[in-house]
Structures are given as C-alpha cells and as structure tokens.
Amino acid sequence: LVFTQYVEMARLVARHLATAGIPHQLLHGGTPVREREEMVRRFQSDDADRVPVFLLSLKAGGTGLNLTRADHVIHLDRWWNPAVEDQATDRAYRIGQTKPVQVHRMVTRGTIEERVGLLLKRKRSLADAVLGRGEAALTELSDDELRDLVSLRPA
C-alpha cells in the first residue's frame, strides 16, 4: 500500500510503475464506488489478475478498507495529524492479517517532511503522555509541554 496526500504525486508514481512494467492501481476521491470495490477485490485476490501495488490517496483510502494482503505500507509524504496516518496504516492491520506488516515513511533530510515528522513525534509523545498513562501522566510533562497543551491559538 502506498499512501500519499497528493493525487498528482500518486499519478507520478503510477507513471513510473507503468514504465517499469509493475502492475498497480490508483484509488482517489474521484474513484467510483464500483471501481473502488473492484480494486480492493483485485488487490486482495489470489487470482492471476492480482495487482501487487495499490496507490491510495490518504483521504480516500485511509478509512473503510480491509487490505490484509499488504505486508508493506509506505507513506510517501506526512500528514499533520498522526491519527490520519495511523488509520491509513491500519488498512493492513485488520482481522485476517497473517503476515507481519512493515511501515515505511519516506523522509528526505532537510525538507519540510523531516520537520513534519518531528512535529508528529512530539504530538504522539504528548498524546501518549496525556491519554496513555492516566492522570499521573500530566505530572510527567515538562513545563513547555504543559504550556503547549493548554495554550490558546488563533483559529
């Protein structure tokens, strides 16, 4: 499964895969429901018409699909909300998954992707501290983390 938030990026990858002769399919928000269902069937299939690479826009493919045939999930670009990425990754972690799943996040050093990755790491850490360990977790936050948690920001 290859997730990107940009359909045009998925199309670039699709062209590259086509040039290399690698079977693939692309699901995005404009994909009709019947075609979407057929894509899922082809990806999950044991048949000769199985498509091994499934390109998905993060919004259209990140929810409501069971894609347990996947054993690799690739995030080409990062989304600001770690839960959105996690939900997309979870398309492979469904009932019926029998293989280990490897998750890859493509990040180039010195780019905005690297900065988004650091921001996501901080958000995950803060969410784990607040939600994951109960009330005592708040006492373990630094002053800066507490200030960030309760600060009002313009909309």
N, C-alpha and C. Protein backbone atom coordinates (compact mmCIF):
# COMPACT_ATOMS: atom_id res chain seq x y z
N LEU A 1 0.86 -1.17 0.00
CA LEU A 1 0.00 0.00 0.00
C LEU A 1 0.90 1.22 0.00
N VAL A 2 0.64 2.13 -0.91
CA VAL A 2 1.42 3.36 -1.00
C VAL A 2 0.44 4.53 -0.82
N PHE A 3 0.59 5.25 0.30
CA PHE A 3 -0.30 6.36 0.61
C PHE A 3 0.39 7.69 0.34
N THR A 4 -0.36 8.62 -0.24
CA THR A 4 0.10 9.99 -0.41
C THR A 4 -1.10 10.90 -0.24
N GLN A 5 -0.84 12.09 0.25
CA GLN A 5 -1.94 13.05 0.40
C GLN A 5 -2.22 13.79 -0.90
N TYR A 6 -1.35 13.62 -1.89
CA TYR A 6 -1.48 14.33 -3.15
C TYR A 6 -1.76 13.36 -4.30
N VAL A 7 -2.89 13.51 -4.95
CA VAL A 7 -3.25 12.63 -6.06
C VAL A 7 -2.24 12.77 -7.19
N GLU A 8 -1.76 13.97 -7.43
CA GLU A 8 -0.78 14.17 -8.50
C GLU A 8 0.52 13.40 -8.21
N MET A 9 0.90 13.33 -6.95
CA MET A 9 2.09 12.54 -6.58
C MET A 9 1.83 11.07 -6.89
N ALA A 10 0.63 10.58 -6.56
CA ALA A 10 0.27 9.19 -6.85
C ALA A 10 0.33 8.93 -8.36
N ARG A 11 -0.11 9.90 -9.14
CA ARG A 11 -0.07 9.75 -10.60
C ARG A 11 1.38 9.69 -11.11
N LEU A 12 2.26 10.47 -10.51
CA LEU A 12 3.68 10.40 -10.89
C LEU A 12 4.25 9.01 -10.60
N VAL A 13 3.93 8.48 -9.43
CA VAL A 13 4.40 7.14 -9.07
C VAL A 13 3.78 6.11 -10.01
N ALA A 14 2.50 6.28 -10.34
CA ALA A 14 1.83 5.35 -11.25
C ALA A 14 2.52 5.33 -12.61
N ARG A 15 2.89 6.49 -13.11
CA ARG A 15 3.61 6.55 -14.40
C ARG A 15 4.95 5.82 -14.31
N HIS A 16 5.65 6.01 -13.21
CA HIS A 16 6.94 5.34 -13.02
C HIS A 16 6.74 3.81 -12.96
N LEU A 17 5.74 3.37 -12.23
CA LEU A 17 5.46 1.92 -12.14
C LEU A 17 5.08 1.36 -13.51
N ALA A 18 4.29 2.10 -14.27
CA ALA A 18 3.89 1.65 -15.61
C ALA A 18 5.11 1.51 -16.51
N THR A 19 6.01 2.49 -16.46
CA THR A 19 7.23 2.43 -17.26
C THR A 19 8.08 1.22 -16.88
N ALA A 20 8.08 0.88 -15.59
CA ALA A 20 8.86 -0.27 -15.11
C ALA A 20 8.12 -1.59 -15.31
N GLY A 21 6.87 -1.54 -15.80
CA GLY A 21 6.10 -2.75 -16.04
C GLY A 21 5.56 -3.40 -14.78
N ILE A 22 5.38 -2.61 -13.73
CA ILE A 22 4.87 -3.13 -12.45
C ILE A 22 3.37 -2.88 -12.37
N PRO A 23 2.57 -3.95 -12.24
CA PRO A 23 1.12 -3.78 -12.14
C PRO A 23 0.75 -2.97 -10.89
N HIS A 24 -0.17 -2.05 -11.05
CA HIS A 24 -0.58 -1.19 -9.95
C HIS A 24 -1.98 -0.65 -10.23
N GLN A 25 -2.54 -0.02 -9.21
CA GLN A 25 -3.82 0.66 -9.37
C GLN A 25 -3.83 1.86 -8.44
N LEU A 26 -4.65 2.85 -8.78
CA LEU A 26 -4.71 4.11 -8.03
C LEU A 26 -6.14 4.40 -7.60
N LEU A 27 -6.32 4.54 -6.29
CA LEU A 27 -7.63 4.89 -5.73
C LEU A 27 -7.52 6.30 -5.15
N HIS A 28 -8.46 7.16 -5.55
CA HIS A 28 -8.51 8.52 -5.03
C HIS A 28 -9.97 8.91 -4.83
N GLY A 29 -10.21 10.11 -4.36
CA GLY A 29 -11.57 10.55 -4.05
C GLY A 29 -12.53 10.51 -5.22
N GLY A 30 -12.04 10.58 -6.44
CA GLY A 30 -12.90 10.56 -7.61
C GLY A 30 -13.18 9.16 -8.14
N THR A 31 -12.66 8.14 -7.48
CA THR A 31 -12.87 6.77 -7.93
C THR A 31 -14.30 6.34 -7.61
N PRO A 32 -15.08 5.91 -8.61
CA PRO A 32 -16.45 5.46 -8.36
C PRO A 32 -16.48 4.23 -7.43
N VAL A 33 -17.57 4.08 -6.69
CA VAL A 33 -17.69 3.03 -5.69
C VAL A 33 -17.48 1.64 -6.30
N ARG A 34 -18.09 1.35 -7.44
CA ARG A 34 -17.93 0.02 -8.05
C ARG A 34 -16.48 -0.25 -8.42
N GLU A 35 -15.81 0.76 -8.97
CA GLU A 35 -14.40 0.61 -9.34
C GLU A 35 -13.55 0.41 -8.09
N ARG A 36 -13.86 1.16 -7.04
CA ARG A 36 -13.17 1.04 -5.75
C ARG A 36 -13.28 -0.39 -5.23
N GLU A 37 -14.50 -0.94 -5.25
CA GLU A 37 -14.72 -2.31 -4.77
C GLU A 37 -13.94 -3.32 -5.61
N GLU A 38 -13.90 -3.11 -6.91
CA GLU A 38 -13.16 -4.00 -7.80
C GLU A 38 -11.65 -3.90 -7.53
N MET A 39 -11.17 -2.71 -7.25
CA MET A 39 -9.75 -2.54 -6.93
C MET A 39 -9.38 -3.32 -5.67
N VAL A 40 -10.22 -3.22 -4.66
CA VAL A 40 -9.97 -3.96 -3.41
C VAL A 40 -9.97 -5.46 -3.69
N ARG A 41 -10.95 -5.92 -4.48
CA ARG A 41 -11.01 -7.34 -4.82
C ARG A 41 -9.73 -7.79 -5.52
N ARG A 42 -9.28 -7.02 -6.51
CA ARG A 42 -8.06 -7.38 -7.25
C ARG A 42 -6.83 -7.40 -6.35
N PHE A 43 -6.75 -6.45 -5.44
CA PHE A 43 -5.59 -6.40 -4.54
C PHE A 43 -5.59 -7.58 -3.57
N GLN A 44 -6.75 -7.92 -3.07
CA GLN A 44 -6.87 -8.99 -2.08
C GLN A 44 -6.84 -10.39 -2.70
N SER A 45 -6.97 -10.46 -4.00
CA SER A 45 -7.15 -11.71 -4.73
C SER A 45 -5.92 -12.62 -4.72
N ASP A 46 -6.18 -13.92 -4.85
CA ASP A 46 -5.13 -14.91 -5.09
C ASP A 46 -5.04 -15.21 -6.58
N ASP A 47 -5.92 -14.62 -7.38
CA ASP A 47 -6.01 -14.90 -8.80
C ASP A 47 -4.82 -14.32 -9.57
N ALA A 48 -4.74 -14.69 -10.82
CA ALA A 48 -3.68 -14.19 -11.70
C ALA A 48 -3.81 -12.70 -11.95
N ASP A 49 -5.02 -12.15 -11.78
CA ASP A 49 -5.21 -10.72 -12.05
C ASP A 49 -4.91 -9.84 -10.82
N ARG A 50 -4.29 -10.45 -9.80
CA ARG A 50 -3.94 -9.70 -8.59
C ARG A 50 -3.01 -8.54 -8.93
N VAL A 51 -3.28 -7.40 -8.31
CA VAL A 51 -2.45 -6.21 -8.50
C VAL A 51 -1.63 -6.01 -7.23
N PRO A 52 -0.30 -6.10 -7.32
CA PRO A 52 0.52 -6.09 -6.11
C PRO A 52 0.78 -4.71 -5.48
N VAL A 53 0.62 -3.63 -6.26
CA VAL A 53 0.88 -2.29 -5.72
C VAL A 53 -0.41 -1.49 -5.78
N PHE A 54 -0.82 -1.00 -4.62
CA PHE A 54 -2.05 -0.23 -4.52
C PHE A 54 -1.68 1.18 -4.06
N LEU A 55 -1.83 2.15 -4.96
CA LEU A 55 -1.61 3.56 -4.66
C LEU A 55 -2.92 4.14 -4.16
N LEU A 56 -2.88 4.85 -3.03
CA LEU A 56 -4.11 5.38 -2.44
C LEU A 56 -3.89 6.81 -1.97
N SER A 57 -4.87 7.66 -2.25
CA SER A 57 -4.82 8.97 -1.63
C SER A 57 -5.17 8.77 -0.16
N LEU A 58 -4.51 9.52 0.69
CA LEU A 58 -4.66 9.33 2.13
C LEU A 58 -6.10 9.49 2.58
N LYS A 59 -6.79 10.45 2.04
CA LYS A 59 -8.17 10.70 2.46
C LYS A 59 -9.13 9.63 1.94
N ALA A 60 -9.02 9.26 0.68
CA ALA A 60 -9.96 8.29 0.10
C ALA A 60 -9.66 6.86 0.52
N GLY A 61 -8.40 6.53 0.70
CA GLY A 61 -8.03 5.15 1.01
C GLY A 61 -7.69 4.91 2.46
N GLY A 62 -7.73 5.95 3.27
CA GLY A 62 -7.30 5.82 4.65
C GLY A 62 -8.33 5.27 5.60
N THR A 63 -9.58 5.10 5.15
CA THR A 63 -10.62 4.57 6.03
C THR A 63 -11.51 3.61 5.26
N GLY A 64 -12.11 2.69 6.00
CA GLY A 64 -13.15 1.83 5.45
C GLY A 64 -12.71 0.70 4.54
N LEU A 65 -11.42 0.43 4.44
CA LEU A 65 -10.95 -0.65 3.57
C LEU A 65 -10.21 -1.70 4.38
N ASN A 66 -10.39 -2.96 4.00
CA ASN A 66 -9.62 -4.05 4.58
C ASN A 66 -8.66 -4.54 3.51
N LEU A 67 -7.39 -4.29 3.72
CA LEU A 67 -6.37 -4.64 2.72
C LEU A 67 -5.30 -5.51 3.36
N THR A 68 -5.73 -6.65 3.85
CA THR A 68 -4.85 -7.54 4.61
C THR A 68 -3.82 -8.26 3.75
N ARG A 69 -3.93 -8.13 2.46
CA ARG A 69 -2.95 -8.74 1.56
C ARG A 69 -1.61 -7.98 1.63
N ALA A 70 -1.66 -6.76 2.13
CA ALA A 70 -0.46 -5.92 2.20
C ALA A 70 0.46 -6.38 3.32
N ASP A 71 1.75 -6.40 3.01
CA ASP A 71 2.72 -6.62 4.08
C ASP A 71 3.71 -5.45 4.18
N HIS A 72 3.50 -4.45 3.32
CA HIS A 72 4.26 -3.19 3.40
C HIS A 72 3.29 -2.04 3.23
N VAL A 73 3.45 -1.03 4.07
CA VAL A 73 2.69 0.21 3.95
C VAL A 73 3.72 1.32 3.82
N ILE A 74 3.58 2.12 2.78
CA ILE A 74 4.53 3.21 2.52
C ILE A 74 3.77 4.53 2.56
N HIS A 75 4.26 5.45 3.38
CA HIS A 75 3.72 6.81 3.42
C HIS A 75 4.72 7.69 2.68
N LEU A 76 4.34 8.16 1.48
CA LEU A 76 5.24 8.97 0.68
C LEU A 76 5.43 10.37 1.25
N ASP A 77 4.40 10.90 1.85
CA ASP A 77 4.50 12.21 2.48
C ASP A 77 3.71 12.16 3.77
N ARG A 78 4.05 13.06 4.67
CA ARG A 78 3.47 13.00 6.01
C ARG A 78 2.26 13.92 6.12
N TRP A 79 1.32 13.50 6.94
CA TRP A 79 0.14 14.31 7.23
C TRP A 79 0.31 14.90 8.62
N TRP A 80 -0.26 16.07 8.87
CA TRP A 80 -0.08 16.77 10.14
C TRP A 80 -0.68 16.03 11.32
N ASN A 81 -1.69 15.24 11.09
CA ASN A 81 -2.38 14.54 12.17
C ASN A 81 -1.91 13.08 12.20
N PRO A 82 -1.21 12.67 13.25
CA PRO A 82 -0.70 11.30 13.29
C PRO A 82 -1.81 10.25 13.25
N ALA A 83 -3.00 10.58 13.75
CA ALA A 83 -4.11 9.62 13.74
C ALA A 83 -4.54 9.28 12.32
N VAL A 84 -4.45 10.24 11.40
CA VAL A 84 -4.83 10.00 10.00
C VAL A 84 -3.85 8.99 9.38
N GLU A 85 -2.58 9.17 9.64
CA GLU A 85 -1.57 8.22 9.16
C GLU A 85 -1.78 6.84 9.77
N ASP A 86 -2.03 6.81 11.07
CA ASP A 86 -2.25 5.53 11.75
C ASP A 86 -3.46 4.81 11.17
N GLN A 87 -4.52 5.56 10.92
CA GLN A 87 -5.73 4.94 10.39
C GLN A 87 -5.48 4.36 9.00
N ALA A 88 -4.69 5.05 8.19
CA ALA A 88 -4.34 4.54 6.87
C ALA A 88 -3.51 3.26 7.01
N THR A 89 -2.54 3.28 7.89
CA THR A 89 -1.71 2.10 8.13
C THR A 89 -2.57 0.92 8.58
N ASP A 90 -3.58 1.20 9.35
CA ASP A 90 -4.45 0.15 9.88
C ASP A 90 -5.25 -0.58 8.80
N ARG A 91 -5.26 -0.08 7.55
CA ARG A 91 -5.93 -0.82 6.47
C ARG A 91 -5.30 -2.20 6.31
N ALA A 92 -4.01 -2.32 6.64
CA ALA A 92 -3.32 -3.60 6.53
C ALA A 92 -3.43 -4.41 7.81
N TYR A 93 -3.64 -3.76 8.93
CA TYR A 93 -3.75 -4.43 10.23
C TYR A 93 -5.22 -4.69 10.56
N ARG A 94 -5.83 -5.61 9.86
CA ARG A 94 -7.24 -5.94 10.07
C ARG A 94 -7.36 -7.41 10.43
N ILE A 95 -8.55 -7.81 10.86
CA ILE A 95 -8.80 -9.23 11.10
C ILE A 95 -8.53 -9.97 9.80
N GLY A 96 -7.77 -11.02 9.88
CA GLY A 96 -7.42 -11.79 8.70
C GLY A 96 -5.97 -11.59 8.28
N GLN A 97 -5.30 -10.60 8.87
CA GLN A 97 -3.89 -10.38 8.53
C GLN A 97 -3.06 -11.52 9.13
N THR A 98 -2.29 -12.18 8.31
CA THR A 98 -1.49 -13.32 8.76
C THR A 98 0.01 -13.06 8.68
N LYS A 99 0.40 -11.92 8.11
CA LYS A 99 1.82 -11.63 7.92
C LYS A 99 2.22 -10.40 8.75
N PRO A 100 3.50 -10.31 9.09
CA PRO A 100 3.96 -9.06 9.70
C PRO A 100 3.89 -7.94 8.67
N VAL A 101 3.57 -6.74 9.12
CA VAL A 101 3.45 -5.58 8.23
C VAL A 101 4.57 -4.60 8.56
N GLN A 102 5.30 -4.19 7.54
CA GLN A 102 6.34 -3.19 7.71
C GLN A 102 5.81 -1.84 7.23
N VAL A 103 6.06 -0.80 8.02
CA VAL A 103 5.60 0.54 7.69
C VAL A 103 6.82 1.39 7.37
N HIS A 104 6.78 2.04 6.22
CA HIS A 104 7.88 2.89 5.76
C HIS A 104 7.37 4.31 5.60
N ARG A 105 8.12 5.26 6.13
CA ARG A 105 7.77 6.67 5.97
C ARG A 105 8.93 7.34 5.23
N MET A 106 8.63 7.87 4.06
CA MET A 106 9.67 8.47 3.23
C MET A 106 9.94 9.90 3.70
N VAL A 107 11.16 10.13 4.13
CA VAL A 107 11.54 11.44 4.63
C VAL A 107 12.92 11.78 4.07
N THR A 108 13.04 12.94 3.46
CA THR A 108 14.32 13.42 2.96
C THR A 108 14.86 14.44 3.95
N ARG A 109 16.09 14.25 4.35
CA ARG A 109 16.73 15.13 5.31
C ARG A 109 16.72 16.57 4.81
N GLY A 110 16.40 17.51 5.72
CA GLY A 110 16.45 18.92 5.40
C GLY A 110 15.21 19.45 4.69
N THR A 111 14.14 18.65 4.62
CA THR A 111 12.92 19.08 3.94
C THR A 111 11.80 19.32 4.94
N ILE A 112 10.70 19.83 4.43
CA ILE A 112 9.53 20.03 5.30
C ILE A 112 9.03 18.68 5.84
N GLU A 113 9.21 17.62 5.06
CA GLU A 113 8.79 16.28 5.53
C GLU A 113 9.50 15.92 6.83
N GLU A 114 10.78 16.28 6.93
CA GLU A 114 11.53 16.00 8.15
C GLU A 114 10.95 16.80 9.32
N ARG A 115 10.62 18.07 9.08
CA ARG A 115 10.04 18.90 10.14
C ARG A 115 8.66 18.40 10.54
N VAL A 116 7.85 17.98 9.57
CA VAL A 116 6.54 17.42 9.89
C VAL A 116 6.72 16.14 10.73
N GLY A 117 7.69 15.32 10.37
CA GLY A 117 7.96 14.10 11.13
C GLY A 117 8.30 14.40 12.59
N LEU A 118 9.11 15.42 12.82
CA LEU A 118 9.45 15.81 14.19
C LEU A 118 8.22 16.31 14.94
N LEU A 119 7.39 17.09 14.25
CA LEU A 119 6.15 17.57 14.85
C LEU A 119 5.24 16.39 15.22
N LEU A 120 5.12 15.42 14.32
CA LEU A 120 4.28 14.25 14.59
C LEU A 120 4.82 13.45 15.78
N LYS A 121 6.13 13.35 15.87
CA LYS A 121 6.74 12.63 17.00
C LYS A 121 6.37 13.32 18.31
N ARG A 122 6.45 14.67 18.34
CA ARG A 122 6.06 15.41 19.54
C ARG A 122 4.59 15.22 19.86
N LYS A 123 3.73 15.27 18.83
CA LYS A 123 2.29 15.09 19.04
C LYS A 123 1.99 13.70 19.61
N ARG A 124 2.63 12.68 19.05
CA ARG A 124 2.41 11.32 19.55
C ARG A 124 2.86 11.20 21.00
N SER A 125 3.99 11.77 21.30
CA SER A 125 4.53 11.71 22.66
C SER A 125 3.59 12.40 23.64
N LEU A 126 3.11 13.56 23.26
CA LEU A 126 2.19 14.31 24.11
C LEU A 126 0.88 13.54 24.29
N ALA A 127 0.34 13.00 23.20
CA ALA A 127 -0.91 12.23 23.29
C ALA A 127 -0.73 11.00 24.17
N ASP A 128 0.40 10.32 24.02
CA ASP A 128 0.66 9.15 24.87
C ASP A 128 0.76 9.55 26.33
N ALA A 129 1.41 10.69 26.60
CA ALA A 129 1.56 11.15 27.97
C ALA A 129 0.22 11.49 28.60
N VAL A 130 -0.65 12.12 27.82
CA VAL A 130 -1.94 12.56 28.37
C VAL A 130 -2.95 11.42 28.40
N LEU A 131 -3.02 10.64 27.32
CA LEU A 131 -4.06 9.64 27.20
C LEU A 131 -3.62 8.22 27.60
N GLY A 132 -2.35 7.96 27.48
CA GLY A 132 -1.88 6.59 27.63
C GLY A 132 -1.59 6.13 29.03
N ARG A 133 -1.30 7.05 29.94
CA ARG A 133 -0.88 6.60 31.27
C ARG A 133 -1.76 7.14 32.39
N GLY A 134 -2.90 7.68 32.07
CA GLY A 134 -3.81 8.13 33.09
C GLY A 134 -3.44 9.48 33.68
N GLU A 135 -4.02 9.80 34.82
CA GLU A 135 -3.86 11.12 35.43
C GLU A 135 -2.43 11.43 35.81
N ALA A 136 -1.68 10.44 36.24
CA ALA A 136 -0.30 10.67 36.66
C ALA A 136 0.55 11.20 35.51
N ALA A 137 0.14 10.92 34.29
CA ALA A 137 0.93 11.33 33.13
C ALA A 137 1.09 12.83 33.04
N LEU A 138 0.08 13.59 33.45
CA LEU A 138 0.18 15.05 33.38
C LEU A 138 1.31 15.57 34.24
N THR A 139 1.59 14.91 35.36
CA THR A 139 2.67 15.36 36.24
C THR A 139 4.03 15.07 35.64
N GLU A 140 4.09 14.23 34.60
CA GLU A 140 5.35 13.88 33.98
C GLU A 140 5.70 14.79 32.80
N LEU A 141 4.78 15.67 32.42
CA LEU A 141 5.04 16.58 31.30
C LEU A 141 5.94 17.73 31.75
N SER A 142 6.78 18.19 30.82
CA SER A 142 7.61 19.35 31.11
C SER A 142 6.74 20.61 31.11
N ASP A 143 7.31 21.70 31.63
CA ASP A 143 6.57 22.97 31.63
C ASP A 143 6.20 23.38 30.22
N ASP A 144 7.13 23.21 29.26
CA ASP A 144 6.86 23.57 27.87
C ASP A 144 5.74 22.72 27.28
N GLU A 145 5.73 21.43 27.59
CA GLU A 145 4.68 20.54 27.07
C GLU A 145 3.33 20.91 27.66
N LEU A 146 3.29 21.22 28.95
CA LEU A 146 2.03 21.65 29.57
C LEU A 146 1.55 22.97 28.98
N ARG A 147 2.46 23.91 28.80
CA ARG A 147 2.10 25.21 28.21
C ARG A 147 1.53 25.02 26.80
N ASP A 148 2.20 24.15 26.03
CA ASP A 148 1.74 23.88 24.66
C ASP A 148 0.35 23.23 24.69
N LEU A 149 0.10 22.38 25.65
CA LEU A 149 -1.17 21.67 25.75
C LEU A 149 -2.33 22.62 26.04
N VAL A 150 -2.11 23.63 26.89
CA VAL A 150 -3.22 24.48 27.33
C VAL A 150 -3.25 25.84 26.66
N SER A 151 -2.28 26.15 25.82
CA SER A 151 -2.24 27.47 25.17
C SER A 151 -3.35 27.62 24.14
N LEU A 152 -3.95 28.80 24.13
CA LEU A 152 -4.94 29.12 23.12
C LEU A 152 -4.21 29.60 21.87
N ARG A 153 -4.70 29.18 20.74
CA ARG A 153 -4.10 29.58 19.45
C ARG A 153 -5.19 30.16 18.57
N PRO A 154 -4.81 31.12 17.72
CA PRO A 154 -5.82 31.63 16.79
C PRO A 154 -6.28 30.54 15.84
N ALA A 155 -7.53 30.55 15.47
CA ALA A 155 -8.07 29.53 14.58
C ALA A 155 -7.58 29.67 13.19
